[in-house]
Amino acid sequence: MGCGAPEGIMEQEISYLRAFQTAESYEIKDGELQISSGTNVLNFKSSDE
């Protein structure tokens, strides 16, 4: 399913999903989930803090 608005949203989604595909490891540190492939790819912080 594709979304056309806002402009560029599909490209953003593709980049986001590719980051998961290249992930080699993950770590939970200081309340953040860090997904890495040598360098940090994605960082997630809990909204509860």
PDB file of N, CA and C in Angstrom:
ATOM      1  N   MET A   1       0.847  -1.163   0.000  1.00  0.00           N
ATOM      2  CA  MET A   1       0.000   0.000   0.000  1.00  0.00           C
ATOM      3  C   MET A   1       0.896   1.231   0.000  1.00  0.00           C
ATOM      4  N   GLY A   2       0.564   2.182  -0.792  1.00  0.00           N
ATOM      5  CA  GLY A   2       1.377   3.380  -0.876  1.00  0.00           C
ATOM      6  C   GLY A   2       0.619   4.621  -0.456  1.00  0.00           C
ATOM      7  N   CYS A   3       1.326   5.506   0.168  1.00  0.00           N
ATOM      8  CA  CYS A   3       0.747   6.786   0.576  1.00  0.00           C
ATOM      9  C   CYS A   3       1.451   7.880  -0.206  1.00  0.00           C
ATOM     10  N   GLY A   4       0.695   8.807  -0.712  1.00  0.00           N
ATOM     11  CA  GLY A   4       1.283   9.880  -1.483  1.00  0.00           C
ATOM     12  C   GLY A   4       1.510  11.160  -0.699  1.00  0.00           C
ATOM     13  N   ALA A   5       0.927  11.245   0.481  1.00  0.00           N
ATOM     14  CA  ALA A   5       1.058  12.484   1.255  1.00  0.00           C
ATOM     15  C   ALA A   5       1.548  12.162   2.649  1.00  0.00           C
ATOM     16  N   PRO A   6       2.394  12.933   3.227  1.00  0.00           N
ATOM     17  CA  PRO A   6       3.054  14.068   2.601  1.00  0.00           C
ATOM     18  C   PRO A   6       4.076  13.602   1.566  1.00  0.00           C
ATOM     19  N   GLU A   7       4.487  14.514   0.730  1.00  0.00           N
ATOM     20  CA  GLU A   7       5.435  14.205  -0.340  1.00  0.00           C
ATOM     21  C   GLU A   7       6.715  13.613   0.252  1.00  0.00           C
ATOM     22  N   GLY A   8       7.199  12.523  -0.348  1.00  0.00           N
ATOM     23  CA  GLY A   8       8.435  11.893   0.091  1.00  0.00           C
ATOM     24  C   GLY A   8       8.260  10.842   1.172  1.00  0.00           C
ATOM     25  N   ILE A   9       7.037  10.623   1.630  1.00  0.00           N
ATOM     26  CA  ILE A   9       6.817   9.692   2.737  1.00  0.00           C
ATOM     27  C   ILE A   9       7.185   8.252   2.366  1.00  0.00           C
ATOM     28  N   MET A  10       6.947   7.860   1.141  1.00  0.00           N
ATOM     29  CA  MET A  10       7.280   6.489   0.734  1.00  0.00           C
ATOM     30  C   MET A  10       8.791   6.281   0.704  1.00  0.00           C
ATOM     31  N   GLU A  11       9.545   7.272   0.273  1.00  0.00           N
ATOM     32  CA  GLU A  11      11.004   7.180   0.268  1.00  0.00           C
ATOM     33  C   GLU A  11      11.525   7.067   1.697  1.00  0.00           C
ATOM     34  N   GLN A  12      10.898   7.802   2.613  1.00  0.00           N
ATOM     35  CA  GLN A  12      11.288   7.731   4.016  1.00  0.00           C
ATOM     36  C   GLN A  12      11.033   6.325   4.562  1.00  0.00           C
ATOM     37  N   GLU A  13       9.888   5.749   4.226  1.00  0.00           N
ATOM     38  CA  GLU A  13       9.569   4.404   4.692  1.00  0.00           C
ATOM     39  C   GLU A  13      10.556   3.379   4.140  1.00  0.00           C
ATOM     40  N   ILE A  14      10.907   3.492   2.877  1.00  0.00           N
ATOM     41  CA  ILE A  14      11.854   2.568   2.257  1.00  0.00           C
ATOM     42  C   ILE A  14      13.205   2.652   2.958  1.00  0.00           C
ATOM     43  N   SER A  15      13.679   3.851   3.242  1.00  0.00           N
ATOM     44  CA  SER A  15      14.955   4.029   3.950  1.00  0.00           C
ATOM     45  C   SER A  15      14.892   3.424   5.349  1.00  0.00           C
ATOM     46  N   TYR A  16      13.784   3.619   6.018  1.00  0.00           N
ATOM     47  CA  TYR A  16      13.584   3.094   7.368  1.00  0.00           C
ATOM     48  C   TYR A  16      13.636   1.564   7.366  1.00  0.00           C
ATOM     49  N   LEU A  17      12.932   0.952   6.440  1.00  0.00           N
ATOM     50  CA  LEU A  17      12.912  -0.516   6.369  1.00  0.00           C
ATOM     51  C   LEU A  17      14.275  -1.077   5.947  1.00  0.00           C
ATOM     52  N   ARG A  18      14.990  -0.403   5.083  1.00  0.00           N
ATOM     53  CA  ARG A  18      16.335  -0.839   4.695  1.00  0.00           C
ATOM     54  C   ARG A  18      17.292  -0.809   5.885  1.00  0.00           C
ATOM     55  N   ALA A  19      17.117   0.156   6.763  1.00  0.00           N
ATOM     56  CA  ALA A  19      17.961   0.238   7.958  1.00  0.00           C
ATOM     57  C   ALA A  19      17.800  -1.019   8.804  1.00  0.00           C
ATOM     58  N   PHE A  20      16.599  -1.536   8.917  1.00  0.00           N
ATOM     59  CA  PHE A  20      16.383  -2.780   9.647  1.00  0.00           C
ATOM     60  C   PHE A  20      17.075  -3.952   8.958  1.00  0.00           C
ATOM     61  N   GLN A  21      17.063  -3.981   7.645  1.00  0.00           N
ATOM     62  CA  GLN A  21      17.676  -5.078   6.898  1.00  0.00           C
ATOM     63  C   GLN A  21      19.185  -5.125   7.073  1.00  0.00           C
ATOM     64  N   THR A  22      19.822  -3.995   7.318  1.00  0.00           N
ATOM     65  CA  THR A  22      21.279  -3.970   7.460  1.00  0.00           C
ATOM     66  C   THR A  22      21.732  -4.126   8.901  1.00  0.00           C
ATOM     67  N   ALA A  23      20.773  -4.189   9.836  1.00  0.00           N
ATOM     68  CA  ALA A  23      21.111  -4.272  11.260  1.00  0.00           C
ATOM     69  C   ALA A  23      21.884  -5.554  11.568  1.00  0.00           C
ATOM     70  N   GLU A  24      22.938  -5.388  12.359  1.00  0.00           N
ATOM     71  CA  GLU A  24      23.766  -6.515  12.781  1.00  0.00           C
ATOM     72  C   GLU A  24      23.596  -6.817  14.267  1.00  0.00           C
ATOM     73  N   SER A  25      23.177  -5.819  15.033  1.00  0.00           N
ATOM     74  CA  SER A  25      23.031  -6.020  16.473  1.00  0.00           C
ATOM     75  C   SER A  25      22.070  -4.990  17.045  1.00  0.00           C
ATOM     76  N   TYR A  26      21.683  -5.246  18.286  1.00  0.00           N
ATOM     77  CA  TYR A  26      20.872  -4.261  18.993  1.00  0.00           C
ATOM     78  C   TYR A  26      21.302  -4.220  20.449  1.00  0.00           C
ATOM     79  N   GLU A  27      20.990  -3.120  21.112  1.00  0.00           N
ATOM     80  CA  GLU A  27      21.354  -2.925  22.509  1.00  0.00           C
ATOM     81  C   GLU A  27      20.328  -1.997  23.145  1.00  0.00           C
ATOM     82  N   ILE A  28      19.981  -2.293  24.390  1.00  0.00           N
ATOM     83  CA  ILE A  28      19.145  -1.378  25.162  1.00  0.00           C
ATOM     84  C   ILE A  28      20.064  -0.709  26.166  1.00  0.00           C
ATOM     85  N   LYS A  29      20.196   0.609  26.045  1.00  0.00           N
ATOM     86  CA  LYS A  29      21.142   1.360  26.863  1.00  0.00           C
ATOM     87  C   LYS A  29      20.503   2.674  27.282  1.00  0.00           C
ATOM     88  N   ASP A  30      20.516   2.938  28.580  1.00  0.00           N
ATOM     89  CA  ASP A  30      19.951   4.187  29.114  1.00  0.00           C
ATOM     90  C   ASP A  30      18.526   4.432  28.628  1.00  0.00           C
ATOM     91  N   GLY A  31      17.721   3.376  28.587  1.00  0.00           N
ATOM     92  CA  GLY A  31      16.324   3.516  28.188  1.00  0.00           C
ATOM     93  C   GLY A  31      16.097   3.668  26.700  1.00  0.00           C
ATOM     94  N   GLU A  32      17.136   3.484  25.901  1.00  0.00           N
ATOM     95  CA  GLU A  32      17.015   3.589  24.450  1.00  0.00           C
ATOM     96  C   GLU A  32      17.369   2.273  23.780  1.00  0.00           C
ATOM     97  N   LEU A  33      16.638   1.951  22.732  1.00  0.00           N
ATOM     98  CA  LEU A  33      16.952   0.806  21.890  1.00  0.00           C
ATOM     99  C   LEU A  33      17.816   1.317  20.748  1.00  0.00           C
ATOM    100  N   GLN A  34      19.023   0.760  20.622  1.00  0.00           N
ATOM    101  CA  GLN A  34      19.928   1.144  19.545  1.00  0.00           C
ATOM    102  C   GLN A  34      20.116  -0.055  18.622  1.00  0.00           C
ATOM    103  N   ILE A  35      19.770   0.104  17.369  1.00  0.00           N
ATOM    104  CA  ILE A  35      19.935  -0.945  16.367  1.00  0.00           C
ATOM    105  C   ILE A  35      21.091  -0.514  15.483  1.00  0.00           C
ATOM    106  N   SER A  36      22.138  -1.356  15.396  1.00  0.00           N
ATOM    107  CA  SER A  36      23.390  -0.955  14.757  1.00  0.00           C
ATOM    108  C   SER A  36      23.809  -1.875  13.618  1.00  0.00           C
ATOM    109  N   SER A  37      24.605  -1.300  12.743  1.00  0.00           N
ATOM    110  CA  SER A  37      25.311  -2.067  11.710  1.00  0.00           C
ATOM    111  C   SER A  37      26.722  -1.495  11.604  1.00  0.00           C
ATOM    112  N   GLY A  38      27.439  -1.533  12.722  1.00  0.00           N
ATOM    113  CA  GLY A  38      28.772  -0.930  12.784  1.00  0.00           C
ATOM    114  C   GLY A  38      28.684   0.487  13.293  1.00  0.00           C
ATOM    115  N   THR A  39      27.806   1.270  12.709  1.00  0.00           N
ATOM    116  CA  THR A  39      27.470   2.605  13.228  1.00  0.00           C
ATOM    117  C   THR A  39      25.997   2.560  13.575  1.00  0.00           C
ATOM    118  N   ASN A  40      25.527   3.481  14.406  1.00  0.00           N
ATOM    119  CA  ASN A  40      24.111   3.464  14.772  1.00  0.00           C
ATOM    120  C   ASN A  40      23.242   3.650  13.542  1.00  0.00           C
ATOM    121  N   VAL A  41      22.260   2.796  13.423  1.00  0.00           N
ATOM    122  CA  VAL A  41      21.310   2.901  12.328  1.00  0.00           C
ATOM    123  C   VAL A  41      20.039   3.555  12.826  1.00  0.00           C
ATOM    124  N   LEU A  42      19.495   3.027  13.914  1.00  0.00           N
ATOM    125  CA  LEU A  42      18.240   3.532  14.452  1.00  0.00           C
ATOM    126  C   LEU A  42      18.331   3.640  15.970  1.00  0.00           C
ATOM    127  N   ASN A  43      17.752   4.678  16.526  1.00  0.00           N
ATOM    128  CA  ASN A  43      17.670   4.862  17.971  1.00  0.00           C
ATOM    129  C   ASN A  43      16.216   5.114  18.343  1.00  0.00           C
ATOM    130  N   PHE A  44      15.751   4.378  19.352  1.00  0.00           N
ATOM    131  CA  PHE A  44      14.383   4.534  19.820  1.00  0.00           C
ATOM    132  C   PHE A  44      14.404   4.820  21.301  1.00  0.00           C
ATOM    133  N   LYS A  45      13.649   5.814  21.723  1.00  0.00           N
ATOM    134  CA  LYS A  45      13.560   6.171  23.124  1.00  0.00           C
ATOM    135  C   LYS A  45      12.106   6.003  23.569  1.00  0.00           C
ATOM    136  N   SER A  46      11.924   5.453  24.749  1.00  0.00           N
ATOM    137  CA  SER A  46      10.600   5.240  25.298  1.00  0.00           C
ATOM    138  C   SER A  46       9.878   6.571  25.467  1.00  0.00           C
ATOM    139  N   SER A  47       8.606   6.585  25.159  1.00  0.00           N
ATOM    140  CA  SER A  47       7.818   7.802  25.344  1.00  0.00           C
ATOM    141  C   SER A  47       7.350   7.946  26.791  1.00  0.00           C
ATOM    142  N   ASP A  48       7.657   6.949  27.638  1.00  0.00           N
ATOM    143  CA  ASP A  48       7.265   6.987  29.034  1.00  0.00           C
ATOM    144  C   ASP A  48       8.176   7.870  29.854  1.00  0.00           C
ATOM    145  N   GLU A  49       9.316   8.260  29.330  1.00  0.00           N
ATOM    146  CA  GLU A  49      10.289   9.042  30.116  1.00  0.00           C
ATOM    147  C   GLU A  49      10.050  10.516  29.992  1.00  0.00           C
TER     148      GLU A  49
END
